[in-house]
């Protein structure tokens, strides 16, 4: 009797684990971003200034596909000289799917800067997206930006 109960409990756990959100398969994606500032507004103070930047550009996916990029970020520099960029990005793909992501990047001026990207929401093939990754970026000219993204994500439903 004890063996039957143990077998039944084990079978139930295995069956339930198949439908656990933690078991959703993750996909790895890589892309390169190219963007430039479309609008910039500066707020200054005695300590530092804060720039609100609206960007437009595109991404090239690892498989050769393209998407449009629109972002709204805040850039600032600490009194010690470290730069910070935080905000949101919207990626619009050729098939009409979209991803909304939060970005958080920091580093030394005029060098490659590192940070994180977190997927917040999606439409169509990305509906129910969750995931995160790393982003490295640099600005070869004022307000132009080049970035590389590597992230893992899963999609919970159609």
C-alpha atoms as a PDB file:
ATOM      1  CA  UNK A   1       0.000   0.000   0.000  1.00  0.00           C
ATOM      2  CA  UNK A   2       2.824   2.352   0.910  1.00  0.00           C
ATOM      3  CA  UNK A   3       4.541   1.683  -2.410  1.00  0.00           C
ATOM      4  CA  UNK A   4       1.324   2.470  -4.315  1.00  0.00           C
ATOM      5  CA  UNK A   5       0.936   5.824  -2.507  1.00  0.00           C
ATOM      6  CA  UNK A   6       4.574   6.702  -3.139  1.00  0.00           C
ATOM      7  CA  UNK A   7       4.232   5.816  -6.830  1.00  0.00           C
ATOM      8  CA  UNK A   8       0.996   7.841  -7.132  1.00  0.00           C
ATOM      9  CA  UNK A   9       2.582  10.889  -5.438  1.00  0.00           C
ATOM     10  CA  UNK A  10       5.663  10.675  -7.661  1.00  0.00           C
ATOM     11  CA  UNK A  11       3.523  10.374 -10.814  1.00  0.00           C
ATOM     12  CA  UNK A  12       1.405  13.364  -9.777  1.00  0.00           C
ATOM     13  CA  UNK A  13       4.515  15.505  -9.190  1.00  0.00           C
ATOM     14  CA  UNK A  14       5.997  14.549 -12.560  1.00  0.00           C
ATOM     15  CA  UNK A  15       2.703  15.300 -14.329  1.00  0.00           C
ATOM     16  CA  UNK A  16       2.361  18.709 -12.601  1.00  0.00           C
ATOM     17  CA  UNK A  17       5.986  19.638 -13.359  1.00  0.00           C
ATOM     18  CA  UNK A  18       5.309  19.347 -17.095  1.00  0.00           C
ATOM     19  CA  UNK A  19       2.911  22.317 -16.847  1.00  0.00           C
ATOM     20  CA  UNK A  20       4.955  24.436 -14.443  1.00  0.00           C
ATOM     21  CA  UNK A  21       5.880  27.917 -15.733  1.00  0.00           C
ATOM     22  CA  UNK A  22       9.430  27.202 -14.579  1.00  0.00           C
ATOM     23  CA  UNK A  23       9.589  24.457 -17.219  1.00  0.00           C
ATOM     24  CA  UNK A  24       8.873  26.817 -20.135  1.00  0.00           C
ATOM     25  CA  UNK A  25      11.656  26.470 -22.685  1.00  0.00           C
ATOM     26  CA  UNK A  26      13.885  29.490 -23.059  1.00  0.00           C
ATOM     27  CA  UNK A  27      15.084  30.805 -26.402  1.00  0.00           C
ATOM     28  CA  UNK A  28      18.345  32.665 -26.891  1.00  0.00           C
ATOM     29  CA  UNK A  29      18.378  35.729 -29.108  1.00  0.00           C
ATOM     30  CA  UNK A  30      21.130  38.066 -30.233  1.00  0.00           C
ATOM     31  CA  UNK A  31      20.892  41.306 -32.145  1.00  0.00           C
ATOM     32  CA  UNK A  32      22.695  44.544 -32.959  1.00  0.00           C
ATOM     33  CA  UNK A  33      21.072  47.951 -32.558  1.00  0.00           C
ATOM     34  CA  UNK A  34      21.813  51.157 -34.455  1.00  0.00           C
ATOM     35  CA  UNK A  35      20.019  54.310 -33.336  1.00  0.00           C
ATOM     36  CA  UNK A  36      20.260  58.079 -33.183  1.00  0.00           C
ATOM     37  CA  UNK A  37      18.610  60.698 -31.014  1.00  0.00           C
ATOM     38  CA  UNK A  38      15.470  62.202 -32.521  1.00  0.00           C
ATOM     39  CA  UNK A  39      14.869  64.591 -29.630  1.00  0.00           C
ATOM     40  CA  UNK A  40      16.826  65.560 -26.526  1.00  0.00           C
ATOM     41  CA  UNK A  41      15.769  67.681 -23.533  1.00  0.00           C
ATOM     42  CA  UNK A  42      18.212  68.694 -20.820  1.00  0.00           C
ATOM     43  CA  UNK A  43      17.501  69.460 -17.164  1.00  0.00           C
ATOM     44  CA  UNK A  44      20.406  70.833 -15.151  1.00  0.00           C
ATOM     45  CA  UNK A  45      21.238  71.203 -11.479  1.00  0.00           C
ATOM     46  CA  UNK A  46      24.272  72.058  -9.366  1.00  0.00           C
ATOM     47  CA  UNK A  47      25.277  68.400  -9.185  1.00  0.00           C
ATOM     48  CA  UNK A  48      24.711  67.114 -12.723  1.00  0.00           C
ATOM     49  CA  UNK A  49      22.449  67.336 -15.751  1.00  0.00           C
ATOM     50  CA  UNK A  50      19.839  64.869 -16.930  1.00  0.00           C
ATOM     51  CA  UNK A  51      19.129  64.378 -20.627  1.00  0.00           C
ATOM     52  CA  UNK A  52      15.821  62.902 -21.774  1.00  0.00           C
ATOM     53  CA  UNK A  53      16.440  61.261 -25.135  1.00  0.00           C
ATOM     54  CA  UNK A  54      13.969  59.896 -27.696  1.00  0.00           C
ATOM     55  CA  UNK A  55      15.723  57.484 -30.109  1.00  0.00           C
ATOM     56  CA  UNK A  56      14.819  55.867 -33.364  1.00  0.00           C
ATOM     57  CA  UNK A  57      16.700  53.186 -35.250  1.00  0.00           C
ATOM     58  CA  UNK A  58      16.700  49.538 -36.181  1.00  0.00           C
ATOM     59  CA  UNK A  59      18.029  46.180 -35.064  1.00  0.00           C
ATOM     60  CA  UNK A  60      19.567  43.387 -37.090  1.00  0.00           C
ATOM     61  CA  UNK A  61      18.723  39.966 -35.661  1.00  0.00           C
ATOM     62  CA  UNK A  62      21.167  37.080 -35.578  1.00  0.00           C
ATOM     63  CA  UNK A  63      19.108  35.303 -38.275  1.00  0.00           C
ATOM     64  CA  UNK A  64      19.278  38.346 -40.580  1.00  0.00           C
ATOM     65  CA  UNK A  65      15.802  39.727 -39.797  1.00  0.00           C
ATOM     66  CA  UNK A  66      15.127  43.383 -39.004  1.00  0.00           C
ATOM     67  CA  UNK A  67      13.010  45.333 -36.538  1.00  0.00           C
ATOM     68  CA  UNK A  68      12.436  49.036 -35.844  1.00  0.00           C
ATOM     69  CA  UNK A  69      13.562  50.479 -32.529  1.00  0.00           C
ATOM     70  CA  UNK A  70      11.920  53.319 -30.608  1.00  0.00           C
ATOM     71  CA  UNK A  71      13.182  54.226 -27.153  1.00  0.00           C
ATOM     72  CA  UNK A  72      12.802  56.815 -24.461  1.00  0.00           C
ATOM     73  CA  UNK A  73      15.709  57.014 -22.026  1.00  0.00           C
ATOM     74  CA  UNK A  74      17.239  59.262 -19.413  1.00  0.00           C
ATOM     75  CA  UNK A  75      21.010  59.860 -19.509  1.00  0.00           C
ATOM     76  CA  UNK A  76      22.997  61.343 -16.657  1.00  0.00           C
ATOM     77  CA  UNK A  77      26.585  61.576 -15.442  1.00  0.00           C
ATOM     78  CA  UNK A  78      27.561  61.296 -11.783  1.00  0.00           C
ATOM     79  CA  UNK A  79      29.891  63.889 -10.229  1.00  0.00           C
ATOM     80  CA  UNK A  80      32.598  61.176 -10.387  1.00  0.00           C
ATOM     81  CA  UNK A  81      32.134  60.923 -14.171  1.00  0.00           C
ATOM     82  CA  UNK A  82      30.261  57.611 -14.486  1.00  0.00           C
ATOM     83  CA  UNK A  83      27.463  57.642 -17.087  1.00  0.00           C
ATOM     84  CA  UNK A  84      24.008  56.098 -16.600  1.00  0.00           C
ATOM     85  CA  UNK A  85      21.208  55.395 -19.084  1.00  0.00           C
ATOM     86  CA  UNK A  86      17.804  54.041 -18.062  1.00  0.00           C
ATOM     87  CA  UNK A  87      14.532  53.788 -19.903  1.00  0.00           C
ATOM     88  CA  UNK A  88      12.257  51.790 -22.170  1.00  0.00           C
ATOM     89  CA  UNK A  89      12.567  50.451 -25.714  1.00  0.00           C
ATOM     90  CA  UNK A  90       9.922  49.195 -28.134  1.00  0.00           C
ATOM     91  CA  UNK A  91      10.926  46.770 -30.866  1.00  0.00           C
ATOM     92  CA  UNK A  92       8.511  46.461 -33.827  1.00  0.00           C
ATOM     93  CA  UNK A  93       9.131  43.413 -36.042  1.00  0.00           C
ATOM     94  CA  UNK A  94       8.283  42.905 -39.720  1.00  0.00           C
ATOM     95  CA  UNK A  95       5.440  40.475 -38.924  1.00  0.00           C
ATOM     96  CA  UNK A  96       3.638  43.047 -36.718  1.00  0.00           C
ATOM     97  CA  UNK A  97       4.896  41.587 -33.417  1.00  0.00           C
ATOM     98  CA  UNK A  98       6.322  43.924 -30.779  1.00  0.00           C
ATOM     99  CA  UNK A  99       8.385  43.757 -27.581  1.00  0.00           C
ATOM    100  CA  UNK A 100       8.474  46.332 -24.772  1.00  0.00           C
ATOM    101  CA  UNK A 101      11.714  46.214 -22.749  1.00  0.00           C
ATOM    102  CA  UNK A 102      13.368  48.098 -19.896  1.00  0.00           C
ATOM    103  CA  UNK A 103      17.060  48.959 -20.272  1.00  0.00           C
ATOM    104  CA  UNK A 104      19.586  49.952 -17.613  1.00  0.00           C
ATOM    105  CA  UNK A 105      23.152  50.723 -18.768  1.00  0.00           C
ATOM    106  CA  UNK A 106      26.163  52.332 -17.091  1.00  0.00           C
ATOM    107  CA  UNK A 107      29.890  52.799 -17.545  1.00  0.00           C
ATOM    108  CA  UNK A 108      32.754  55.166 -18.071  1.00  0.00           C
ATOM    109  CA  UNK A 109      32.371  57.940 -20.693  1.00  0.00           C
ATOM    110  CA  UNK A 110      33.578  57.228 -24.245  1.00  0.00           C
ATOM    111  CA  UNK A 111      33.964  53.483 -23.546  1.00  0.00           C
ATOM    112  CA  UNK A 112      31.785  50.408 -24.005  1.00  0.00           C
ATOM    113  CA  UNK A 113      29.033  50.467 -21.382  1.00  0.00           C
ATOM    114  CA  UNK A 114      27.292  47.389 -19.986  1.00  0.00           C
ATOM    115  CA  UNK A 115      23.834  46.788 -18.575  1.00  0.00           C
ATOM    116  CA  UNK A 116      20.676  44.731 -18.569  1.00  0.00           C
ATOM    117  CA  UNK A 117      17.576  44.424 -20.703  1.00  0.00           C
ATOM    118  CA  UNK A 118      14.338  43.015 -19.259  1.00  0.00           C
ATOM    119  CA  UNK A 119      11.406  42.039 -21.475  1.00  0.00           C
ATOM    120  CA  UNK A 120       8.164  43.431 -20.008  1.00  0.00           C
ATOM    121  CA  UNK A 121       5.447  42.718 -22.600  1.00  0.00           C
ATOM    122  CA  UNK A 122       4.884  41.620 -26.166  1.00  0.00           C
ATOM    123  CA  UNK A 123       2.277  41.259 -28.890  1.00  0.00           C
ATOM    124  CA  UNK A 124       1.470  38.523 -31.412  1.00  0.00           C
ATOM    125  CA  UNK A 125       4.313  35.947 -31.421  1.00  0.00           C
ATOM    126  CA  UNK A 126       5.825  37.614 -28.331  1.00  0.00           C
ATOM    127  CA  UNK A 127       2.586  37.796 -26.318  1.00  0.00           C
ATOM    128  CA  UNK A 128       3.372  36.736 -22.741  1.00  0.00           C
ATOM    129  CA  UNK A 129       7.123  37.258 -23.162  1.00  0.00           C
ATOM    130  CA  UNK A 130       9.397  37.198 -20.141  1.00  0.00           C
ATOM    131  CA  UNK A 131      13.150  37.147 -19.980  1.00  0.00           C
ATOM    132  CA  UNK A 132      16.290  39.166 -19.611  1.00  0.00           C
ATOM    133  CA  UNK A 133      19.751  39.623 -20.967  1.00  0.00           C
ATOM    134  CA  UNK A 134      22.803  41.794 -21.280  1.00  0.00           C
ATOM    135  CA  UNK A 135      23.325  44.848 -23.399  1.00  0.00           C
ATOM    136  CA  UNK A 136      26.636  46.466 -24.272  1.00  0.00           C
ATOM    137  CA  UNK A 137      26.626  49.833 -25.974  1.00  0.00           C
ATOM    138  CA  UNK A 138      28.798  52.699 -27.045  1.00  0.00           C
ATOM    139  CA  UNK A 139      28.299  56.036 -28.747  1.00  0.00           C
ATOM    140  CA  UNK A 140      30.714  56.565 -31.655  1.00  0.00           C
ATOM    141  CA  UNK A 141      29.325  60.115 -32.152  1.00  0.00           C
ATOM    142  CA  UNK A 142      27.217  62.301 -29.895  1.00  0.00           C
ATOM    143  CA  UNK A 143      23.735  60.761 -29.531  1.00  0.00           C
ATOM    144  CA  UNK A 144      24.387  57.985 -32.053  1.00  0.00           C
ATOM    145  CA  UNK A 145      24.418  54.587 -30.378  1.00  0.00           C
ATOM    146  CA  UNK A 146      25.508  51.093 -31.314  1.00  0.00           C
ATOM    147  CA  UNK A 147      24.529  48.198 -29.026  1.00  0.00           C
ATOM    148  CA  UNK A 148      24.716  44.417 -28.892  1.00  0.00           C
ATOM    149  CA  UNK A 149      22.065  42.422 -27.036  1.00  0.00           C
ATOM    150  CA  UNK A 150      22.142  38.799 -25.901  1.00  0.00           C
ATOM    151  CA  UNK A 151      19.043  37.628 -24.047  1.00  0.00           C
ATOM    152  CA  UNK A 152      17.032  34.558 -23.109  1.00  0.00           C
ATOM    153  CA  UNK A 153      13.261  34.662 -23.192  1.00  0.00           C
ATOM    154  CA  UNK A 154      10.172  32.518 -23.114  1.00  0.00           C
ATOM    155  CA  UNK A 155       6.655  33.137 -24.388  1.00  0.00           C
ATOM    156  CA  UNK A 156       3.777  31.829 -22.309  1.00  0.00           C
ATOM    157  CA  UNK A 157       1.020  31.760 -24.887  1.00  0.00           C
ATOM    158  CA  UNK A 158      -0.219  32.576 -28.368  1.00  0.00           C
END
